[in-house]
Amino acid sequence: MVAGKFKPFDGDTELVPGIRAVAARGHTPGHSTCLVGSKGYTFLPVNYSGLK
């Protein structure tokens, strides 16, 4: 990590235009996911790594 480049956030926050951090409350405090939006579309990446 480059010194001075990390900016902590809390809750729902727009990180850069089109990318928004969204609180994903659950068993892990501070957990978040990202919504990616462009040209009227929104994408929410989902990871089911616990499934086999």
PDB file of N, CA and C in Angstrom:
ATOM      1  N   MET A   1       0.840  -1.166   0.000  1.00  0.00           N
ATOM      2  CA  MET A   1       0.000   0.000   0.000  1.00  0.00           C
ATOM      3  C   MET A   1       0.894   1.241   0.000  1.00  0.00           C
ATOM      4  N   VAL A   2       0.624   2.155  -0.887  1.00  0.00           N
ATOM      5  CA  VAL A   2       1.396   3.378  -0.971  1.00  0.00           C
ATOM      6  C   VAL A   2       0.957   4.311   0.157  1.00  0.00           C
ATOM      7  N   ALA A   3       1.909   4.881   0.863  1.00  0.00           N
ATOM      8  CA  ALA A   3       1.604   5.761   1.992  1.00  0.00           C
ATOM      9  C   ALA A   3       0.676   6.895   1.571  1.00  0.00           C
ATOM     10  N   GLY A   4      -0.360   7.123   2.364  1.00  0.00           N
ATOM     11  CA  GLY A   4      -1.275   8.214   2.114  1.00  0.00           C
ATOM     12  C   GLY A   4      -2.352   7.938   1.081  1.00  0.00           C
ATOM     13  N   LYS A   5      -2.413   6.753   0.501  1.00  0.00           N
ATOM     14  CA  LYS A   5      -3.392   6.438  -0.538  1.00  0.00           C
ATOM     15  C   LYS A   5      -4.609   5.689  -0.004  1.00  0.00           C
ATOM     16  N   PHE A   6      -4.535   5.144   1.198  1.00  0.00           N
ATOM     17  CA  PHE A   6      -5.639   4.370   1.765  1.00  0.00           C
ATOM     18  C   PHE A   6      -6.579   5.306   2.514  1.00  0.00           C
ATOM     19  N   LYS A   7      -7.870   5.251   2.202  1.00  0.00           N
ATOM     20  CA  LYS A   7      -8.870   6.047   2.893  1.00  0.00           C
ATOM     21  C   LYS A   7      -9.942   5.117   3.443  1.00  0.00           C
ATOM     22  N   PRO A   8      -9.965   4.904   4.764  1.00  0.00           N
ATOM     23  CA  PRO A   8     -10.986   4.030   5.335  1.00  0.00           C
ATOM     24  C   PRO A   8     -12.376   4.638   5.156  1.00  0.00           C
ATOM     25  N   PHE A   9     -13.405   3.786   5.146  1.00  0.00           N
ATOM     26  CA  PHE A   9     -14.777   4.253   5.015  1.00  0.00           C
ATOM     27  C   PHE A   9     -15.663   3.424   5.928  1.00  0.00           C
ATOM     28  N   ASP A  10     -16.850   3.942   6.184  1.00  0.00           N
ATOM     29  CA  ASP A  10     -17.789   3.253   7.053  1.00  0.00           C
ATOM     30  C   ASP A  10     -19.172   3.290   6.404  1.00  0.00           C
ATOM     31  N   GLY A  11     -19.754   2.137   6.164  1.00  0.00           N
ATOM     32  CA  GLY A  11     -21.077   2.067   5.569  1.00  0.00           C
ATOM     33  C   GLY A  11     -21.062   2.295   4.070  1.00  0.00           C
ATOM     34  N   ASP A  12     -22.194   2.732   3.543  1.00  0.00           N
ATOM     35  CA  ASP A  12     -22.342   2.933   2.101  1.00  0.00           C
ATOM     36  C   ASP A  12     -21.594   4.195   1.676  1.00  0.00           C
ATOM     37  N   THR A  13     -20.667   4.044   0.715  1.00  0.00           N
ATOM     38  CA  THR A  13     -19.809   5.145   0.296  1.00  0.00           C
ATOM     39  C   THR A  13     -19.493   5.032  -1.182  1.00  0.00           C
ATOM     40  N   GLU A  14     -19.567   6.133  -1.912  1.00  0.00           N
ATOM     41  CA  GLU A  14     -19.116   6.126  -3.307  1.00  0.00           C
ATOM     42  C   GLU A  14     -17.594   6.250  -3.300  1.00  0.00           C
ATOM     43  N   LEU A  15     -16.919   5.230  -3.824  1.00  0.00           N
ATOM     44  CA  LEU A  15     -15.460   5.212  -3.831  1.00  0.00           C
ATOM     45  C   LEU A  15     -14.915   6.060  -4.983  1.00  0.00           C
ATOM     46  N   VAL A  16     -15.431   5.828  -6.148  1.00  0.00           N
ATOM     47  CA  VAL A  16     -15.144   6.622  -7.348  1.00  0.00           C
ATOM     48  C   VAL A  16     -16.436   6.612  -8.155  1.00  0.00           C
ATOM     49  N   PRO A  17     -16.601   7.527  -9.104  1.00  0.00           N
ATOM     50  CA  PRO A  17     -17.832   7.512  -9.891  1.00  0.00           C
ATOM     51  C   PRO A  17     -18.096   6.134 -10.524  1.00  0.00           C
ATOM     52  N   GLY A  18     -19.287   5.582 -10.237  1.00  0.00           N
ATOM     53  CA  GLY A  18     -19.666   4.292 -10.798  1.00  0.00           C
ATOM     54  C   GLY A  18     -19.353   3.092  -9.919  1.00  0.00           C
ATOM     55  N   ILE A  19     -18.613   3.297  -8.828  1.00  0.00           N
ATOM     56  CA  ILE A  19     -18.287   2.198  -7.911  1.00  0.00           C
ATOM     57  C   ILE A  19     -18.626   2.633  -6.498  1.00  0.00           C
ATOM     58  N   ARG A  20     -19.554   1.882  -5.887  1.00  0.00           N
ATOM     59  CA  ARG A  20     -20.050   2.228  -4.566  1.00  0.00           C
ATOM     60  C   ARG A  20     -19.849   1.063  -3.606  1.00  0.00           C
ATOM     61  N   ALA A  21     -19.235   1.329  -2.455  1.00  0.00           N
ATOM     62  CA  ALA A  21     -19.120   0.326  -1.398  1.00  0.00           C
ATOM     63  C   ALA A  21     -20.439   0.290  -0.646  1.00  0.00           C
ATOM     64  N   VAL A  22     -20.938  -0.914  -0.382  1.00  0.00           N
ATOM     65  CA  VAL A  22     -22.213  -1.101   0.305  1.00  0.00           C
ATOM     66  C   VAL A  22     -21.986  -2.022   1.493  1.00  0.00           C
ATOM     67  N   ALA A  23     -22.456  -1.602   2.654  1.00  0.00           N
ATOM     68  CA  ALA A  23     -22.321  -2.435   3.848  1.00  0.00           C
ATOM     69  C   ALA A  23     -23.041  -3.763   3.634  1.00  0.00           C
ATOM     70  N   ALA A  24     -22.366  -4.861   3.929  1.00  0.00           N
ATOM     71  CA  ALA A  24     -22.947  -6.204   3.802  1.00  0.00           C
ATOM     72  C   ALA A  24     -22.898  -6.838   5.190  1.00  0.00           C
ATOM     73  N   ARG A  25     -23.703  -6.273   6.051  1.00  0.00           N
ATOM     74  CA  ARG A  25     -23.680  -6.708   7.452  1.00  0.00           C
ATOM     75  C   ARG A  25     -24.027  -8.182   7.578  1.00  0.00           C
ATOM     76  N   GLY A  26     -23.372  -8.805   8.510  1.00  0.00           N
ATOM     77  CA  GLY A  26     -23.586 -10.225   8.737  1.00  0.00           C
ATOM     78  C   GLY A  26     -22.734 -10.652   9.913  1.00  0.00           C
ATOM     79  N   HIS A  27     -22.076 -11.790   9.792  1.00  0.00           N
ATOM     80  CA  HIS A  27     -21.271 -12.292  10.898  1.00  0.00           C
ATOM     81  C   HIS A  27     -19.902 -11.635  10.988  1.00  0.00           C
ATOM     82  N   THR A  28     -19.486 -10.850   9.969  1.00  0.00           N
ATOM     83  CA  THR A  28     -18.170 -10.217   9.976  1.00  0.00           C
ATOM     84  C   THR A  28     -18.335  -8.698  10.066  1.00  0.00           C
ATOM     85  N   PRO A  29     -17.979  -8.098  11.191  1.00  0.00           N
ATOM     86  CA  PRO A  29     -18.099  -6.645  11.326  1.00  0.00           C
ATOM     87  C   PRO A  29     -17.279  -5.915  10.257  1.00  0.00           C
ATOM     88  N   GLY A  30     -17.865  -4.877   9.668  1.00  0.00           N
ATOM     89  CA  GLY A  30     -17.155  -4.089   8.675  1.00  0.00           C
ATOM     90  C   GLY A  30     -17.151  -4.658   7.274  1.00  0.00           C
ATOM     91  N   HIS A  31     -17.799  -5.809   7.068  1.00  0.00           N
ATOM     92  CA  HIS A  31     -17.805  -6.436   5.747  1.00  0.00           C
ATOM     93  C   HIS A  31     -18.573  -5.570   4.754  1.00  0.00           C
ATOM     94  N   SER A  32     -18.075  -5.474   3.535  1.00  0.00           N
ATOM     95  CA  SER A  32     -18.763  -4.702   2.500  1.00  0.00           C
ATOM     96  C   SER A  32     -18.620  -5.386   1.153  1.00  0.00           C
ATOM     97  N   THR A  33     -19.431  -4.950   0.217  1.00  0.00           N
ATOM     98  CA  THR A  33     -19.349  -5.412  -1.163  1.00  0.00           C
ATOM     99  C   THR A  33     -19.401  -4.166  -2.039  1.00  0.00           C
ATOM    100  N   CYS A  34     -19.252  -4.318  -3.321  1.00  0.00           N
ATOM    101  CA  CYS A  34     -19.253  -3.161  -4.215  1.00  0.00           C
ATOM    102  C   CYS A  34     -20.342  -3.281  -5.270  1.00  0.00           C
ATOM    103  N   LEU A  35     -21.024  -2.179  -5.521  1.00  0.00           N
ATOM    104  CA  LEU A  35     -21.949  -2.072  -6.639  1.00  0.00           C
ATOM    105  C   LEU A  35     -21.213  -1.333  -7.744  1.00  0.00           C
ATOM    106  N   VAL A  36     -21.258  -1.874  -8.934  1.00  0.00           N
ATOM    107  CA  VAL A  36     -20.610  -1.250 -10.082  1.00  0.00           C
ATOM    108  C   VAL A  36     -21.709  -0.828 -11.047  1.00  0.00           C
ATOM    109  N   GLY A  37     -21.716   0.441 -11.437  1.00  0.00           N
ATOM    110  CA  GLY A  37     -22.768   0.934 -12.315  1.00  0.00           C
ATOM    111  C   GLY A  37     -22.200   1.672 -13.512  1.00  0.00           C
ATOM    112  N   SER A  38     -22.866   1.490 -14.665  1.00  0.00           N
ATOM    113  CA  SER A  38     -22.460   2.174 -15.892  1.00  0.00           C
ATOM    114  C   SER A  38     -23.612   2.131 -16.883  1.00  0.00           C
ATOM    115  N   LYS A  39     -23.868   3.249 -17.514  1.00  0.00           N
ATOM    116  CA  LYS A  39     -24.860   3.343 -18.596  1.00  0.00           C
ATOM    117  C   LYS A  39     -26.224   2.781 -18.197  1.00  0.00           C
ATOM    118  N   GLY A  40     -26.646   3.052 -16.963  1.00  0.00           N
ATOM    119  CA  GLY A  40     -27.961   2.615 -16.508  1.00  0.00           C
ATOM    120  C   GLY A  40     -28.031   1.189 -15.989  1.00  0.00           C
ATOM    121  N   TYR A  41     -26.929   0.470 -16.010  1.00  0.00           N
ATOM    122  CA  TYR A  41     -26.881  -0.905 -15.502  1.00  0.00           C
ATOM    123  C   TYR A  41     -26.123  -0.935 -14.188  1.00  0.00           C
ATOM    124  N   THR A  42     -26.508  -1.861 -13.317  1.00  0.00           N
ATOM    125  CA  THR A  42     -25.820  -2.044 -12.042  1.00  0.00           C
ATOM    126  C   THR A  42     -25.448  -3.509 -11.894  1.00  0.00           C
ATOM    127  N   PHE A  43     -24.229  -3.755 -11.432  1.00  0.00           N
ATOM    128  CA  PHE A  43     -23.712  -5.107 -11.246  1.00  0.00           C
ATOM    129  C   PHE A  43     -23.309  -5.281  -9.793  1.00  0.00           C
ATOM    130  N   LEU A  44     -23.789  -6.341  -9.163  1.00  0.00           N
ATOM    131  CA  LEU A  44     -23.414  -6.687  -7.796  1.00  0.00           C
ATOM    132  C   LEU A  44     -22.709  -8.030  -7.836  1.00  0.00           C
ATOM    133  N   PRO A  45     -21.373  -8.039  -7.736  1.00  0.00           N
ATOM    134  CA  PRO A  45     -20.662  -9.319  -7.736  1.00  0.00           C
ATOM    135  C   PRO A  45     -21.067 -10.167  -6.529  1.00  0.00           C
ATOM    136  N   VAL A  46     -21.258 -11.452  -6.744  1.00  0.00           N
ATOM    137  CA  VAL A  46     -21.644 -12.366  -5.677  1.00  0.00           C
ATOM    138  C   VAL A  46     -20.683 -13.537  -5.680  1.00  0.00           C
ATOM    139  N   ASN A  47     -20.236 -13.944  -4.500  1.00  0.00           N
ATOM    140  CA  ASN A  47     -19.282 -15.039  -4.373  1.00  0.00           C
ATOM    141  C   ASN A  47     -19.902 -16.125  -3.508  1.00  0.00           C
ATOM    142  N   TYR A  48     -20.061 -17.299  -4.054  1.00  0.00           N
ATOM    143  CA  TYR A  48     -20.578 -18.448  -3.313  1.00  0.00           C
ATOM    144  C   TYR A  48     -19.460 -19.437  -3.059  1.00  0.00           C
ATOM    145  N   SER A  49     -18.352 -18.970  -2.524  1.00  0.00           N
ATOM    146  CA  SER A  49     -17.182 -19.840  -2.345  1.00  0.00           C
ATOM    147  C   SER A  49     -17.420 -20.958  -1.343  1.00  0.00           C
ATOM    148  N   GLY A  50     -18.448 -20.836  -0.506  1.00  0.00           N
ATOM    149  CA  GLY A  50     -18.739 -21.892   0.469  1.00  0.00           C
ATOM    150  C   GLY A  50     -19.487 -23.069  -0.119  1.00  0.00           C
ATOM    151  N   LEU A  51     -19.994 -22.933  -1.329  1.00  0.00           N
ATOM    152  CA  LEU A  51     -20.749 -24.026  -1.953  1.00  0.00           C
ATOM    153  C   LEU A  51     -19.816 -24.962  -2.716  1.00  0.00           C
ATOM    154  N   LYS A  52     -20.169 -26.223  -2.738  1.00  0.00           N
ATOM    155  CA  LYS A  52     -19.344 -27.198  -3.471  1.00  0.00           C
ATOM    156  C   LYS A  52     -20.142 -27.792  -4.590  1.00  0.00           C
TER     157      LYS A  52
END
